[in-house]
Amino acid sequence: MTAGKAALAIFVNAFAGKLYMTGLRVSFQMSDGIIKGIMSPNAFKANASKFEKDEDAKVASKAQLNNAEYSGLLCAALLFLHVAVQGEEQICGPNFVCDGTAVTLGNMNSQIETACGLIVLGSLVHLWGQILVGPFPFQTLGGLPRYIGMFMLVPALQVATMRNVKQFSPEYQSKFATVTVPE
């Protein structure tokens, strides 16, 4: 799975989790028939305490909040890698002389794709496993692949941020040799 597709999957999963929690809260409000307009503050407090006492709602809320904590970090890192991988040919292509590092994002693609797959799998299992079945064993079964995937992304992020374009290639410089700047 590419970094861009993984970022999209993480975003959609986080959004689906938020929609689920909104629906769950609304279902608690509708169960008392008090969603027919503006709810009085006392009725709202009673509903909130009923929601907080429900064990399934607590588990779902904790799972969704954990997913939300990771989603921003993961989306940012994955979108950065997506742009870096897509732009590598432009950055280290025929117009530039790069620093000569042997490791490029291009030859890390299989590691990046494996990490992205683990991150998406872990996020899905962690959130929906807990919501549908319960916390055990899905906290571990979802958290472990997510952590492994994040560790696997560290070298790719390092390469993407440490690349250095040393100079313009002679061919690229010759394109601008005849350009004069008006005074």
C-alpha atoms as a PDB file:
ATOM      1  CA  MET A   1       0.000   0.000   0.000  1.00  0.00           C
ATOM      2  CA  THR A   2       1.400   3.388  -0.920  1.00  0.00           C
ATOM      3  CA  ALA A   3       1.822   6.168   1.627  1.00  0.00           C
ATOM      4  CA  GLY A   4      -0.868   8.277  -0.055  1.00  0.00           C
ATOM      5  CA  LYS A   5      -3.428   5.460   0.019  1.00  0.00           C
ATOM      6  CA  ALA A   6      -2.523   4.677   3.624  1.00  0.00           C
ATOM      7  CA  ALA A   7      -3.053   8.329   4.606  1.00  0.00           C
ATOM      8  CA  LEU A   8      -6.466   8.248   2.940  1.00  0.00           C
ATOM      9  CA  ALA A   9      -7.378   5.001   4.728  1.00  0.00           C
ATOM     10  CA  ILE A  10      -6.291   6.418   8.104  1.00  0.00           C
ATOM     11  CA  PHE A  11      -8.325   9.584   7.489  1.00  0.00           C
ATOM     12  CA  VAL A  12     -11.444   7.645   6.435  1.00  0.00           C
ATOM     13  CA  ASN A  13     -11.089   5.307   9.425  1.00  0.00           C
ATOM     14  CA  ALA A  14     -10.820   8.244  11.841  1.00  0.00           C
ATOM     15  CA  PHE A  15     -13.812   9.937  10.219  1.00  0.00           C
ATOM     16  CA  ALA A  16     -15.863   6.717  10.374  1.00  0.00           C
ATOM     17  CA  GLY A  17     -14.983   6.351  14.052  1.00  0.00           C
ATOM     18  CA  LYS A  18     -16.151   9.886  14.745  1.00  0.00           C
ATOM     19  CA  LEU A  19     -19.404   9.278  12.841  1.00  0.00           C
ATOM     20  CA  TYR A  20     -19.962   6.084  14.827  1.00  0.00           C
ATOM     21  CA  MET A  21     -19.511   7.889  18.138  1.00  0.00           C
ATOM     22  CA  THR A  22     -21.855  10.672  17.046  1.00  0.00           C
ATOM     23  CA  GLY A  23     -24.463   8.079  16.101  1.00  0.00           C
ATOM     24  CA  LEU A  24     -23.980   6.296  19.410  1.00  0.00           C
ATOM     25  CA  ARG A  25     -24.526   9.502  21.372  1.00  0.00           C
ATOM     26  CA  VAL A  26     -27.605  10.369  19.310  1.00  0.00           C
ATOM     27  CA  SER A  27     -29.020   6.884  19.888  1.00  0.00           C
ATOM     28  CA  PHE A  28     -28.703   7.433  23.647  1.00  0.00           C
ATOM     29  CA  GLN A  29     -30.537  10.734  23.309  1.00  0.00           C
ATOM     30  CA  MET A  30     -33.259   9.220  21.138  1.00  0.00           C
ATOM     31  CA  SER A  31     -33.788   6.321  23.541  1.00  0.00           C
ATOM     32  CA  ASP A  32     -35.442   8.729  25.975  1.00  0.00           C
ATOM     33  CA  GLY A  33     -37.309  10.550  23.223  1.00  0.00           C
ATOM     34  CA  ILE A  34     -35.712  13.863  24.124  1.00  0.00           C
ATOM     35  CA  ILE A  35     -34.158  14.771  20.807  1.00  0.00           C
ATOM     36  CA  LYS A  36     -37.354  16.415  19.565  1.00  0.00           C
ATOM     37  CA  GLY A  37     -35.987  19.891  19.836  1.00  0.00           C
ATOM     38  CA  ILE A  38     -33.731  21.748  22.144  1.00  0.00           C
ATOM     39  CA  MET A  39     -32.878  19.573  25.083  1.00  0.00           C
ATOM     40  CA  SER A  40     -33.127  21.061  28.543  1.00  0.00           C
ATOM     41  CA  PRO A  41     -29.817  21.234  30.442  1.00  0.00           C
ATOM     42  CA  ASN A  42     -31.062  18.751  33.058  1.00  0.00           C
ATOM     43  CA  ALA A  43     -32.102  16.214  30.417  1.00  0.00           C
ATOM     44  CA  PHE A  44     -28.767  16.667  28.652  1.00  0.00           C
ATOM     45  CA  LYS A  45     -26.843  15.995  31.881  1.00  0.00           C
ATOM     46  CA  ALA A  46     -28.942  12.916  32.605  1.00  0.00           C
ATOM     47  CA  ASN A  47     -28.235  11.557  29.141  1.00  0.00           C
ATOM     48  CA  ALA A  48     -24.515  12.293  29.423  1.00  0.00           C
ATOM     49  CA  SER A  49     -24.274  10.394  32.699  1.00  0.00           C
ATOM     50  CA  LYS A  50     -26.222   7.475  31.185  1.00  0.00           C
ATOM     51  CA  PHE A  51     -23.781   7.391  28.252  1.00  0.00           C
ATOM     52  CA  GLU A  52     -20.788   7.501  30.598  1.00  0.00           C
ATOM     53  CA  LYS A  53     -22.134   4.594  32.676  1.00  0.00           C
ATOM     54  CA  ASP A  54     -22.634   2.280  29.693  1.00  0.00           C
ATOM     55  CA  GLU A  55     -19.615  -0.072  29.438  1.00  0.00           C
ATOM     56  CA  ASP A  56     -19.857  -0.572  25.663  1.00  0.00           C
ATOM     57  CA  ALA A  57     -20.008   3.184  25.144  1.00  0.00           C
ATOM     58  CA  LYS A  58     -16.927   3.634  27.356  1.00  0.00           C
ATOM     59  CA  VAL A  59     -14.947   1.059  25.362  1.00  0.00           C
ATOM     60  CA  ALA A  60     -16.015   2.585  22.041  1.00  0.00           C
ATOM     61  CA  SER A  61     -15.180   6.083  23.252  1.00  0.00           C
ATOM     62  CA  LYS A  62     -11.711   5.076  24.459  1.00  0.00           C
ATOM     63  CA  ALA A  63     -10.966   3.211  21.221  1.00  0.00           C
ATOM     64  CA  GLN A  64     -12.118   6.141  19.094  1.00  0.00           C
ATOM     65  CA  LEU A  65     -10.109   8.649  21.141  1.00  0.00           C
ATOM     66  CA  ASN A  66      -6.976   6.500  20.850  1.00  0.00           C
ATOM     67  CA  ASN A  67      -7.508   6.249  17.109  1.00  0.00           C
ATOM     68  CA  ALA A  68      -7.966  10.018  16.900  1.00  0.00           C
ATOM     69  CA  GLU A  69      -4.690  10.575  18.803  1.00  0.00           C
ATOM     70  CA  TYR A  70      -2.711   8.580  16.258  1.00  0.00           C
ATOM     71  CA  SER A  71      -4.555   9.624  13.095  1.00  0.00           C
ATOM     72  CA  GLY A  72      -3.154  13.156  12.897  1.00  0.00           C
ATOM     73  CA  LEU A  73       0.438  12.040  13.392  1.00  0.00           C
ATOM     74  CA  LEU A  74       0.096   9.168  10.948  1.00  0.00           C
ATOM     75  CA  CYS A  75      -1.674  11.213   8.262  1.00  0.00           C
ATOM     76  CA  ALA A  76       0.993  13.918   8.449  1.00  0.00           C
ATOM     77  CA  ALA A  77       3.885  11.445   8.199  1.00  0.00           C
ATOM     78  CA  LEU A  78       2.247   9.416   5.433  1.00  0.00           C
ATOM     79  CA  LEU A  79       1.311  12.456   3.355  1.00  0.00           C
ATOM     80  CA  PHE A  80       4.855  13.796   3.746  1.00  0.00           C
ATOM     81  CA  LEU A  81       6.269  10.486   2.516  1.00  0.00           C
ATOM     82  CA  HIS A  82       3.764  10.429  -0.341  1.00  0.00           C
ATOM     83  CA  VAL A  83       4.935  13.855  -1.506  1.00  0.00           C
ATOM     84  CA  ALA A  84       8.599  12.950  -0.954  1.00  0.00           C
ATOM     85  CA  VAL A  85       8.346   9.721  -2.947  1.00  0.00           C
ATOM     86  CA  GLN A  86       6.413  11.426  -5.748  1.00  0.00           C
ATOM     87  CA  GLY A  87       8.857  14.320  -5.842  1.00  0.00           C
ATOM     88  CA  GLU A  88      12.043  12.283  -5.658  1.00  0.00           C
ATOM     89  CA  GLU A  89      12.370  12.080  -9.426  1.00  0.00           C
ATOM     90  CA  GLN A  90      11.987  15.838  -9.699  1.00  0.00           C
ATOM     91  CA  ILE A  91      14.354  16.520  -6.807  1.00  0.00           C
ATOM     92  CA  CYS A  92      17.064  14.008  -7.725  1.00  0.00           C
ATOM     93  CA  GLY A  93      16.268  13.754 -11.402  1.00  0.00           C
ATOM     94  CA  PRO A  94      18.208  14.928 -14.447  1.00  0.00           C
ATOM     95  CA  ASN A  95      18.233  18.595 -13.423  1.00  0.00           C
ATOM     96  CA  PHE A  96      20.012  18.207 -10.095  1.00  0.00           C
ATOM     97  CA  VAL A  97      23.105  16.543  -8.690  1.00  0.00           C
ATOM     98  CA  CYS A  98      22.162  14.936  -5.391  1.00  0.00           C
ATOM     99  CA  ASP A  99      24.449  14.155  -2.499  1.00  0.00           C
ATOM    100  CA  GLY A 100      25.187  10.653  -3.784  1.00  0.00           C
ATOM    101  CA  THR A 101      23.593   8.823  -0.889  1.00  0.00           C
ATOM    102  CA  ALA A 102      23.073   5.152  -1.682  1.00  0.00           C
ATOM    103  CA  VAL A 103      19.728   5.053   0.079  1.00  0.00           C
ATOM    104  CA  THR A 104      16.871   6.704  -1.755  1.00  0.00           C
ATOM    105  CA  LEU A 105      13.181   6.482  -1.162  1.00  0.00           C
ATOM    106  CA  GLY A 106      12.881   4.641  -4.455  1.00  0.00           C
ATOM    107  CA  ASN A 107      14.735   1.605  -3.145  1.00  0.00           C
ATOM    108  CA  MET A 108      12.830   1.739   0.157  1.00  0.00           C
ATOM    109  CA  ASN A 109       9.436   1.307  -1.506  1.00  0.00           C
ATOM    110  CA  SER A 110       8.842  -2.240  -0.261  1.00  0.00           C
ATOM    111  CA  GLN A 111       9.633  -1.206   3.317  1.00  0.00           C
ATOM    112  CA  ILE A 112       7.368   1.850   3.033  1.00  0.00           C
ATOM    113  CA  GLU A 113       4.528  -0.207   1.550  1.00  0.00           C
ATOM    114  CA  THR A 114       4.829  -2.876   4.249  1.00  0.00           C
ATOM    115  CA  ALA A 115       4.860  -0.229   6.977  1.00  0.00           C
ATOM    116  CA  CYS A 116       1.812   1.480   5.467  1.00  0.00           C
ATOM    117  CA  GLY A 117      -0.070  -1.813   5.329  1.00  0.00           C
ATOM    118  CA  LEU A 118       0.752  -2.574   8.961  1.00  0.00           C
ATOM    119  CA  ILE A 119      -0.311   0.898  10.079  1.00  0.00           C
ATOM    120  CA  VAL A 120      -3.652   0.719   8.286  1.00  0.00           C
ATOM    121  CA  LEU A 121      -4.314  -2.848   9.457  1.00  0.00           C
ATOM    122  CA  GLY A 122      -3.430  -1.929  13.031  1.00  0.00           C
ATOM    123  CA  SER A 123      -5.640   1.149  13.014  1.00  0.00           C
ATOM    124  CA  LEU A 124      -8.636  -0.752  11.639  1.00  0.00           C
ATOM    125  CA  VAL A 125      -8.240  -3.696  14.023  1.00  0.00           C
ATOM    126  CA  HIS A 126      -7.620  -1.460  17.034  1.00  0.00           C
ATOM    127  CA  LEU A 127     -10.694   0.705  16.506  1.00  0.00           C
ATOM    128  CA  TRP A 128     -13.307  -1.644  15.084  1.00  0.00           C
ATOM    129  CA  GLY A 129     -12.195  -4.743  16.972  1.00  0.00           C
ATOM    130  CA  GLN A 130     -12.721  -2.958  20.272  1.00  0.00           C
ATOM    131  CA  ILE A 131     -16.002  -1.390  19.193  1.00  0.00           C
ATOM    132  CA  LEU A 132     -17.497  -4.616  17.839  1.00  0.00           C
ATOM    133  CA  VAL A 133     -16.043  -7.214  20.244  1.00  0.00           C
ATOM    134  CA  GLY A 134     -14.330  -5.527  23.182  1.00  0.00           C
ATOM    135  CA  PRO A 135     -10.888  -4.415  24.288  1.00  0.00           C
ATOM    136  CA  PHE A 136      -9.301  -7.844  24.655  1.00  0.00           C
ATOM    137  CA  PRO A 137      -7.335  -8.843  22.526  1.00  0.00           C
ATOM    138  CA  PHE A 138      -7.822  -6.020  20.034  1.00  0.00           C
ATOM    139  CA  GLN A 139      -5.862  -3.344  21.901  1.00  0.00           C
ATOM    140  CA  THR A 140      -2.743  -5.459  21.461  1.00  0.00           C
ATOM    141  CA  LEU A 141      -3.632  -6.958  18.070  1.00  0.00           C
ATOM    142  CA  GLY A 142      -4.230  -3.476  16.680  1.00  0.00           C
ATOM    143  CA  GLY A 143      -1.575  -1.563  18.565  1.00  0.00           C
ATOM    144  CA  LEU A 144       1.341  -3.864  17.781  1.00  0.00           C
ATOM    145  CA  PRO A 145       1.190  -3.636  13.956  1.00  0.00           C
ATOM    146  CA  ARG A 146       0.686   0.106  14.215  1.00  0.00           C
ATOM    147  CA  TYR A 147       3.841   0.474  16.335  1.00  0.00           C
ATOM    148  CA  ILE A 148       5.863  -1.843  14.086  1.00  0.00           C
ATOM    149  CA  GLY A 149       4.741   0.133  11.029  1.00  0.00           C
ATOM    150  CA  MET A 150       5.698   3.426  12.658  1.00  0.00           C
ATOM    151  CA  PHE A 151       9.152   2.073  13.530  1.00  0.00           C
ATOM    152  CA  MET A 152       9.550   0.894   9.935  1.00  0.00           C
ATOM    153  CA  LEU A 153       8.759   4.402   8.648  1.00  0.00           C
ATOM    154  CA  VAL A 154      11.537   6.062  10.661  1.00  0.00           C
ATOM    155  CA  PRO A 155      14.356   5.281   8.161  1.00  0.00           C
ATOM    156  CA  ALA A 156      12.223   6.440   5.226  1.00  0.00           C
ATOM    157  CA  LEU A 157      11.354   9.669   7.031  1.00  0.00           C
ATOM    158  CA  GLN A 158      15.035  10.165   7.823  1.00  0.00           C
ATOM    159  CA  VAL A 159      16.011   9.725   4.170  1.00  0.00           C
ATOM    160  CA  ALA A 160      13.201  12.024   3.045  1.00  0.00           C
ATOM    161  CA  THR A 161      14.239  14.796   5.419  1.00  0.00           C
ATOM    162  CA  MET A 162      18.030  14.446   5.082  1.00  0.00           C
ATOM    163  CA  ARG A 163      18.280  14.517   1.299  1.00  0.00           C
ATOM    164  CA  ASN A 164      20.476  17.297   0.069  1.00  0.00           C
ATOM    165  CA  VAL A 165      20.555  18.723  -3.423  1.00  0.00           C
ATOM    166  CA  LYS A 166      24.128  19.940  -3.757  1.00  0.00           C
ATOM    167  CA  GLN A 167      24.036  21.833  -7.028  1.00  0.00           C
ATOM    168  CA  PHE A 168      22.262  22.295 -10.304  1.00  0.00           C
ATOM    169  CA  SER A 169      23.422  19.992 -13.070  1.00  0.00           C
ATOM    170  CA  PRO A 170      25.380  21.640 -15.929  1.00  0.00           C
ATOM    171  CA  GLU A 171      22.512  20.977 -18.364  1.00  0.00           C
ATOM    172  CA  TYR A 172      20.063  22.743 -16.060  1.00  0.00           C
ATOM    173  CA  GLN A 173      22.432  25.688 -15.559  1.00  0.00           C
ATOM    174  CA  SER A 174      22.890  26.113 -19.311  1.00  0.00           C
ATOM    175  CA  LYS A 175      19.148  26.688 -19.717  1.00  0.00           C
ATOM    176  CA  PHE A 176      19.457  29.844 -17.672  1.00  0.00           C
ATOM    177  CA  ALA A 177      22.870  31.040 -18.855  1.00  0.00           C
ATOM    178  CA  THR A 178      21.352  33.322 -21.476  1.00  0.00           C
ATOM    179  CA  VAL A 179      18.621  34.771 -19.286  1.00  0.00           C
ATOM    180  CA  THR A 180      19.135  38.447 -18.500  1.00  0.00           C
ATOM    181  CA  VAL A 181      17.390  40.232 -15.715  1.00  0.00           C
ATOM    182  CA  PRO A 182      15.900  43.619 -16.666  1.00  0.00           C
ATOM    183  CA  GLU A 183      17.018  46.519 -14.525  1.00  0.00           C
END
